[in-house]
Amino acid sequence: MNSGREDDREMIRQVVRGERPWTDLRAIGMNIQLEGNRCAIENPRQISTTADVHDLAKGFLAYLHDARALREWAFLIEAIDVDLDVENHPAGETLLNALWDASFGNPLHADVVRTVEQLAHENGSKA
């Protein structure tokens, strides 16, 4: 049973990294209603996970060229049970601010995009 729970956590990390659409979370029992500026999430199994700056950067990169999808992804990442373990990384605050901006549909500044690209490529996939 434990490996199933770890698979569920990995699925959430894949959503964070932009490797899977957030709608896949329904397969692990999460009910997500994303409408405009409202995001309601039911997580009856209380599945949570941790993601780092590299996971987050990969997610940004996956949606960078689709403003609507980036906003939706960022909005969801802020709402789901993910511990964003970024405090101890020099770019952590930059990514958190970018996540906040993206969730409101604000464009990312060029320096933030460069940071995202660097982080996404500097650390290989954890999968």
N, C-alpha and C. Protein backbone atom coordinates (compact mmCIF):
# COMPACT_ATOMS: atom_id res chain seq x y z
N MET A 1 0.83 -1.21 0.00
CA MET A 1 0.00 0.00 0.00
C MET A 1 0.87 1.26 0.00
N ASN A 2 1.98 1.22 0.68
CA ASN A 2 2.87 2.36 0.75
C ASN A 2 3.38 2.78 -0.62
N SER A 3 3.71 1.81 -1.48
CA SER A 3 4.22 2.16 -2.80
C SER A 3 3.13 2.86 -3.62
N GLY A 4 1.88 2.50 -3.41
CA GLY A 4 0.78 3.17 -4.09
C GLY A 4 0.70 4.63 -3.67
N ARG A 5 0.90 4.87 -2.39
CA ARG A 5 0.88 6.24 -1.87
C ARG A 5 2.04 7.05 -2.46
N GLU A 6 3.21 6.40 -2.58
CA GLU A 6 4.36 7.08 -3.18
C GLU A 6 4.10 7.37 -4.66
N ASP A 7 3.43 6.44 -5.35
CA ASP A 7 3.06 6.68 -6.74
C ASP A 7 2.13 7.89 -6.84
N ASP A 8 1.22 8.02 -5.90
CA ASP A 8 0.31 9.17 -5.87
C ASP A 8 1.09 10.47 -5.65
N ARG A 9 2.06 10.43 -4.75
CA ARG A 9 2.89 11.62 -4.50
C ARG A 9 3.68 11.99 -5.75
N GLU A 10 4.19 10.96 -6.43
CA GLU A 10 4.96 11.20 -7.65
C GLU A 10 4.06 11.80 -8.73
N MET A 11 2.81 11.37 -8.79
CA MET A 11 1.89 11.95 -9.78
C MET A 11 1.73 13.45 -9.51
N ILE A 12 1.61 13.83 -8.26
CA ILE A 12 1.48 15.25 -7.92
C ILE A 12 2.76 15.99 -8.35
N ARG A 13 3.93 15.41 -8.08
CA ARG A 13 5.19 16.03 -8.50
C ARG A 13 5.24 16.17 -10.04
N GLN A 14 4.71 15.17 -10.75
CA GLN A 14 4.68 15.26 -12.22
C GLN A 14 3.79 16.41 -12.68
N VAL A 15 2.70 16.63 -11.97
CA VAL A 15 1.83 17.78 -12.29
C VAL A 15 2.60 19.08 -12.01
N VAL A 16 3.31 19.13 -10.89
CA VAL A 16 4.11 20.32 -10.57
C VAL A 16 5.13 20.57 -11.67
N ARG A 17 5.77 19.51 -12.16
CA ARG A 17 6.80 19.65 -13.20
C ARG A 17 6.20 19.86 -14.60
N GLY A 18 4.89 19.83 -14.72
CA GLY A 18 4.26 20.04 -16.01
C GLY A 18 4.34 18.83 -16.92
N GLU A 19 4.63 17.68 -16.35
CA GLU A 19 4.74 16.44 -17.13
C GLU A 19 3.38 15.77 -17.33
N ARG A 20 2.42 16.12 -16.51
CA ARG A 20 1.06 15.59 -16.61
C ARG A 20 0.09 16.75 -16.40
N PRO A 21 -1.08 16.68 -17.02
CA PRO A 21 -2.08 17.73 -16.77
C PRO A 21 -2.68 17.56 -15.37
N TRP A 22 -3.09 18.67 -14.80
CA TRP A 22 -3.65 18.63 -13.43
C TRP A 22 -4.91 17.78 -13.38
N THR A 23 -5.59 17.61 -14.49
CA THR A 23 -6.81 16.80 -14.49
C THR A 23 -6.52 15.34 -14.15
N ASP A 24 -5.26 14.89 -14.32
CA ASP A 24 -4.88 13.52 -13.95
C ASP A 24 -5.00 13.27 -12.45
N LEU A 25 -5.02 14.33 -11.66
CA LEU A 25 -5.11 14.16 -10.20
C LEU A 25 -6.45 13.56 -9.79
N ARG A 26 -7.42 13.64 -10.66
CA ARG A 26 -8.72 13.01 -10.37
C ARG A 26 -8.56 11.50 -10.22
N ALA A 27 -7.59 10.93 -10.91
CA ALA A 27 -7.36 9.48 -10.87
C ALA A 27 -6.90 9.01 -9.48
N ILE A 28 -6.38 9.93 -8.67
CA ILE A 28 -5.96 9.55 -7.31
C ILE A 28 -6.94 10.08 -6.27
N GLY A 29 -8.14 10.42 -6.73
CA GLY A 29 -9.22 10.78 -5.81
C GLY A 29 -9.35 12.24 -5.48
N MET A 30 -8.57 13.09 -6.13
CA MET A 30 -8.68 14.52 -5.86
C MET A 30 -9.76 15.12 -6.77
N ASN A 31 -10.64 15.91 -6.19
CA ASN A 31 -11.67 16.59 -6.96
C ASN A 31 -11.28 18.06 -7.02
N ILE A 32 -11.03 18.55 -8.23
CA ILE A 32 -10.56 19.92 -8.41
C ILE A 32 -11.53 20.67 -9.31
N GLN A 33 -12.02 21.78 -8.80
CA GLN A 33 -12.90 22.67 -9.57
C GLN A 33 -12.15 23.99 -9.74
N LEU A 34 -11.73 24.24 -10.96
CA LEU A 34 -10.97 25.45 -11.26
C LEU A 34 -11.82 26.32 -12.18
N GLU A 35 -12.31 27.44 -11.64
CA GLU A 35 -13.17 28.33 -12.40
C GLU A 35 -12.77 29.77 -12.12
N GLY A 36 -12.28 30.43 -13.14
CA GLY A 36 -11.91 31.83 -12.99
C GLY A 36 -10.90 32.03 -11.87
N ASN A 37 -11.29 32.85 -10.89
CA ASN A 37 -10.40 33.14 -9.75
C ASN A 37 -10.71 32.27 -8.54
N ARG A 38 -11.31 31.12 -8.79
CA ARG A 38 -11.69 30.23 -7.70
C ARG A 38 -11.16 28.83 -7.97
N CYS A 39 -10.57 28.25 -6.94
CA CYS A 39 -10.07 26.88 -7.06
C CYS A 39 -10.48 26.13 -5.80
N ALA A 40 -11.35 25.15 -5.98
CA ALA A 40 -11.81 24.33 -4.86
C ALA A 40 -11.22 22.93 -5.03
N ILE A 41 -10.58 22.46 -3.99
CA ILE A 41 -9.93 21.15 -4.06
C ILE A 41 -10.40 20.28 -2.90
N GLU A 42 -10.83 19.09 -3.24
CA GLU A 42 -11.15 18.08 -2.23
C GLU A 42 -10.09 17.00 -2.38
N ASN A 43 -9.44 16.70 -1.25
CA ASN A 43 -8.37 15.72 -1.23
C ASN A 43 -8.66 14.75 -0.08
N PRO A 44 -9.69 13.91 -0.24
CA PRO A 44 -10.15 13.07 0.86
C PRO A 44 -9.08 12.10 1.39
N ARG A 45 -8.15 11.71 0.54
CA ARG A 45 -7.09 10.80 0.98
C ARG A 45 -5.91 11.56 1.58
N GLN A 46 -5.99 12.88 1.59
CA GLN A 46 -4.97 13.76 2.16
C GLN A 46 -3.58 13.45 1.62
N ILE A 47 -3.49 13.32 0.31
CA ILE A 47 -2.22 13.06 -0.34
C ILE A 47 -1.47 14.37 -0.48
N SER A 48 -0.24 14.41 -0.02
CA SER A 48 0.58 15.60 -0.16
C SER A 48 1.99 15.16 -0.55
N THR A 49 2.75 16.11 -1.03
CA THR A 49 4.12 15.80 -1.43
C THR A 49 4.96 17.06 -1.30
N THR A 50 6.24 16.91 -1.58
CA THR A 50 7.18 18.02 -1.56
C THR A 50 7.74 18.21 -2.96
N ALA A 51 7.90 19.44 -3.34
CA ALA A 51 8.52 19.77 -4.63
C ALA A 51 9.60 20.82 -4.38
N ASP A 52 10.67 20.76 -5.15
CA ASP A 52 11.75 21.72 -4.97
C ASP A 52 11.78 22.75 -6.10
N VAL A 53 12.79 23.62 -6.09
CA VAL A 53 12.86 24.68 -7.10
C VAL A 53 12.99 24.11 -8.51
N HIS A 54 13.65 22.96 -8.64
CA HIS A 54 13.83 22.36 -9.96
C HIS A 54 12.50 21.83 -10.50
N ASP A 55 11.70 21.20 -9.62
CA ASP A 55 10.37 20.73 -10.02
C ASP A 55 9.52 21.91 -10.48
N LEU A 56 9.55 22.98 -9.69
CA LEU A 56 8.76 24.17 -10.00
C LEU A 56 9.23 24.81 -11.31
N ALA A 57 10.53 24.90 -11.48
CA ALA A 57 11.08 25.50 -12.71
C ALA A 57 10.66 24.70 -13.94
N LYS A 58 10.64 23.38 -13.84
CA LYS A 58 10.22 22.55 -14.97
C LYS A 58 8.76 22.80 -15.31
N GLY A 59 7.93 23.01 -14.28
CA GLY A 59 6.53 23.32 -14.51
C GLY A 59 6.37 24.65 -15.23
N PHE A 60 7.11 25.67 -14.77
CA PHE A 60 7.06 26.96 -15.45
C PHE A 60 7.44 26.80 -16.92
N LEU A 61 8.52 26.07 -17.15
CA LEU A 61 9.02 25.89 -18.52
C LEU A 61 7.99 25.18 -19.39
N ALA A 62 7.28 24.22 -18.82
CA ALA A 62 6.29 23.46 -19.59
C ALA A 62 5.15 24.34 -20.10
N TYR A 63 4.82 25.39 -19.34
CA TYR A 63 3.66 26.22 -19.68
C TYR A 63 4.02 27.64 -20.09
N LEU A 64 5.29 27.93 -20.19
CA LEU A 64 5.77 29.29 -20.44
C LEU A 64 5.16 29.94 -21.67
N HIS A 65 4.92 29.19 -22.71
CA HIS A 65 4.45 29.77 -23.97
C HIS A 65 2.94 29.66 -24.16
N ASP A 66 2.22 29.37 -23.06
CA ASP A 66 0.77 29.32 -23.10
C ASP A 66 0.25 30.04 -21.85
N ALA A 67 -0.02 31.33 -22.00
CA ALA A 67 -0.37 32.17 -20.85
C ALA A 67 -1.55 31.63 -20.05
N ARG A 68 -2.58 31.14 -20.74
CA ARG A 68 -3.76 30.63 -20.05
C ARG A 68 -3.41 29.39 -19.23
N ALA A 69 -2.68 28.46 -19.85
CA ALA A 69 -2.29 27.23 -19.16
C ALA A 69 -1.33 27.53 -18.01
N LEU A 70 -0.43 28.50 -18.19
CA LEU A 70 0.50 28.87 -17.12
C LEU A 70 -0.27 29.42 -15.92
N ARG A 71 -1.24 30.28 -16.17
CA ARG A 71 -2.04 30.86 -15.09
C ARG A 71 -2.79 29.75 -14.34
N GLU A 72 -3.41 28.85 -15.10
CA GLU A 72 -4.17 27.75 -14.51
C GLU A 72 -3.27 26.86 -13.66
N TRP A 73 -2.10 26.51 -14.22
CA TRP A 73 -1.14 25.66 -13.50
C TRP A 73 -0.68 26.35 -12.21
N ALA A 74 -0.28 27.61 -12.31
CA ALA A 74 0.22 28.34 -11.14
C ALA A 74 -0.86 28.46 -10.06
N PHE A 75 -2.08 28.74 -10.49
CA PHE A 75 -3.20 28.88 -9.56
C PHE A 75 -3.41 27.56 -8.82
N LEU A 76 -3.36 26.47 -9.54
CA LEU A 76 -3.54 25.15 -8.95
C LEU A 76 -2.40 24.79 -8.00
N ILE A 77 -1.16 25.05 -8.40
CA ILE A 77 0.00 24.71 -7.57
C ILE A 77 -0.09 25.43 -6.22
N GLU A 78 -0.60 26.65 -6.24
CA GLU A 78 -0.76 27.38 -4.98
C GLU A 78 -1.84 26.78 -4.10
N ALA A 79 -2.78 26.05 -4.70
CA ALA A 79 -3.94 25.55 -3.96
C ALA A 79 -3.81 24.10 -3.48
N ILE A 80 -3.02 23.28 -4.19
CA ILE A 80 -2.96 21.87 -3.82
C ILE A 80 -1.98 21.64 -2.66
N ASP A 81 -2.04 20.43 -2.11
CA ASP A 81 -1.19 20.08 -0.97
C ASP A 81 0.22 19.72 -1.42
N VAL A 82 0.98 20.77 -1.75
CA VAL A 82 2.38 20.58 -2.12
C VAL A 82 3.21 21.49 -1.24
N ASP A 83 4.17 20.90 -0.55
CA ASP A 83 5.11 21.67 0.24
C ASP A 83 6.21 22.12 -0.72
N LEU A 84 6.21 23.40 -1.05
CA LEU A 84 7.23 23.92 -1.95
C LEU A 84 8.50 24.19 -1.14
N ASP A 85 9.43 23.26 -1.24
CA ASP A 85 10.67 23.30 -0.47
C ASP A 85 11.69 24.16 -1.22
N VAL A 86 11.51 25.47 -1.14
CA VAL A 86 12.34 26.38 -1.91
C VAL A 86 13.08 27.42 -1.06
N GLU A 87 12.79 27.46 0.24
CA GLU A 87 13.33 28.51 1.10
C GLU A 87 14.85 28.54 1.14
N ASN A 88 15.48 27.38 1.05
CA ASN A 88 16.93 27.32 1.19
C ASN A 88 17.68 27.45 -0.13
N HIS A 89 16.96 27.76 -1.20
CA HIS A 89 17.61 27.94 -2.49
C HIS A 89 17.65 29.43 -2.82
N PRO A 90 18.78 29.91 -3.36
CA PRO A 90 18.88 31.35 -3.68
C PRO A 90 17.77 31.86 -4.59
N ALA A 91 17.24 31.02 -5.46
CA ALA A 91 16.19 31.45 -6.39
C ALA A 91 14.79 31.14 -5.86
N GLY A 92 14.70 30.59 -4.66
CA GLY A 92 13.40 30.18 -4.11
C GLY A 92 12.38 31.29 -4.06
N GLU A 93 12.76 32.44 -3.53
CA GLU A 93 11.82 33.56 -3.41
C GLU A 93 11.41 34.06 -4.79
N THR A 94 12.36 34.07 -5.72
CA THR A 94 12.05 34.49 -7.09
C THR A 94 10.98 33.60 -7.70
N LEU A 95 11.11 32.28 -7.50
CA LEU A 95 10.12 31.35 -8.06
C LEU A 95 8.77 31.49 -7.37
N LEU A 96 8.77 31.67 -6.07
CA LEU A 96 7.48 31.86 -5.37
C LEU A 96 6.78 33.13 -5.84
N ASN A 97 7.54 34.20 -6.03
CA ASN A 97 6.95 35.45 -6.53
C ASN A 97 6.44 35.25 -7.95
N ALA A 98 7.19 34.51 -8.77
CA ALA A 98 6.78 34.24 -10.15
C ALA A 98 5.51 33.40 -10.17
N LEU A 99 5.41 32.45 -9.24
CA LEU A 99 4.22 31.61 -9.15
C LEU A 99 3.00 32.48 -8.82
N TRP A 100 3.18 33.38 -7.88
CA TRP A 100 2.12 34.30 -7.49
C TRP A 100 1.70 35.17 -8.69
N ASP A 101 2.69 35.76 -9.36
CA ASP A 101 2.41 36.59 -10.53
C ASP A 101 1.68 35.80 -11.61
N ALA A 102 2.19 34.61 -11.90
CA ALA A 102 1.60 33.78 -12.95
C ALA A 102 0.16 33.40 -12.62
N SER A 103 -0.13 33.18 -11.34
CA SER A 103 -1.48 32.79 -10.94
C SER A 103 -2.49 33.92 -11.18
N PHE A 104 -1.98 35.14 -11.29
CA PHE A 104 -2.85 36.28 -11.60
C PHE A 104 -2.80 36.65 -13.08
N GLY A 105 -2.07 35.85 -13.86
CA GLY A 105 -1.99 36.10 -15.29
C GLY A 105 -0.97 37.15 -15.68
N ASN A 106 -0.11 37.55 -14.73
CA ASN A 106 0.92 38.54 -15.05
C ASN A 106 2.07 37.87 -15.79
N PRO A 107 2.62 38.53 -16.80
CA PRO A 107 3.74 37.94 -17.53
C PRO A 107 5.00 37.86 -16.66
N LEU A 108 5.84 36.87 -16.93
CA LEU A 108 7.09 36.72 -16.20
C LEU A 108 8.15 37.62 -16.83
N HIS A 109 8.94 38.26 -15.98
CA HIS A 109 10.02 39.11 -16.46
C HIS A 109 11.12 38.24 -17.09
N ALA A 110 11.86 38.82 -18.00
CA ALA A 110 12.92 38.09 -18.73
C ALA A 110 13.94 37.46 -17.78
N ASP A 111 14.31 38.17 -16.71
CA ASP A 111 15.29 37.61 -15.77
C ASP A 111 14.73 36.40 -15.03
N VAL A 112 13.44 36.39 -14.77
CA VAL A 112 12.80 35.25 -14.13
C VAL A 112 12.77 34.07 -15.09
N VAL A 113 12.48 34.33 -16.34
CA VAL A 113 12.46 33.27 -17.36
C VAL A 113 13.86 32.64 -17.46
N ARG A 114 14.91 33.46 -17.45
CA ARG A 114 16.28 32.93 -17.50
C ARG A 114 16.56 32.05 -16.28
N THR A 115 16.13 32.48 -15.12
CA THR A 115 16.32 31.69 -13.89
C THR A 115 15.58 30.36 -14.00
N VAL A 116 14.35 30.40 -14.47
CA VAL A 116 13.54 29.19 -14.64
C VAL A 116 14.23 28.22 -15.60
N GLU A 117 14.69 28.74 -16.72
CA GLU A 117 15.36 27.89 -17.72
C GLU A 117 16.62 27.25 -17.14
N GLN A 118 17.39 28.03 -16.41
CA GLN A 118 18.62 27.52 -15.80
C GLN A 118 18.31 26.42 -14.79
N LEU A 119 17.36 26.66 -13.91
CA LEU A 119 17.01 25.67 -12.87
C LEU A 119 16.42 24.41 -13.47
N ALA A 120 15.61 24.57 -14.50
CA ALA A 120 14.97 23.41 -15.12
C ALA A 120 15.99 22.48 -15.77
N HIS A 121 17.07 23.06 -16.27
CA HIS A 121 18.07 22.25 -16.97
C HIS A 121 19.23 21.82 -16.09
N GLU A 122 19.44 22.48 -14.95
CA GLU A 122 20.61 22.14 -14.14
C GLU A 122 20.44 20.88 -13.32
N ASN A 123 19.20 20.49 -13.04
CA ASN A 123 18.96 19.30 -12.23
C ASN A 123 18.17 18.30 -13.05
N GLY A 124 18.73 17.12 -13.23
CA GLY A 124 18.04 16.07 -13.99
C GLY A 124 16.75 15.65 -13.31
N SER A 125 15.92 14.96 -14.03
CA SER A 125 14.63 14.53 -13.53
C SER A 125 14.81 13.62 -12.32
N LYS A 126 13.93 13.78 -11.34
CA LYS A 126 13.96 12.94 -10.13
C LYS A 126 13.19 11.65 -10.33
N ALA A 127 12.47 11.59 -11.42
CA ALA A 127 11.56 10.45 -11.65
C ALA A 127 12.25 9.12 -11.67
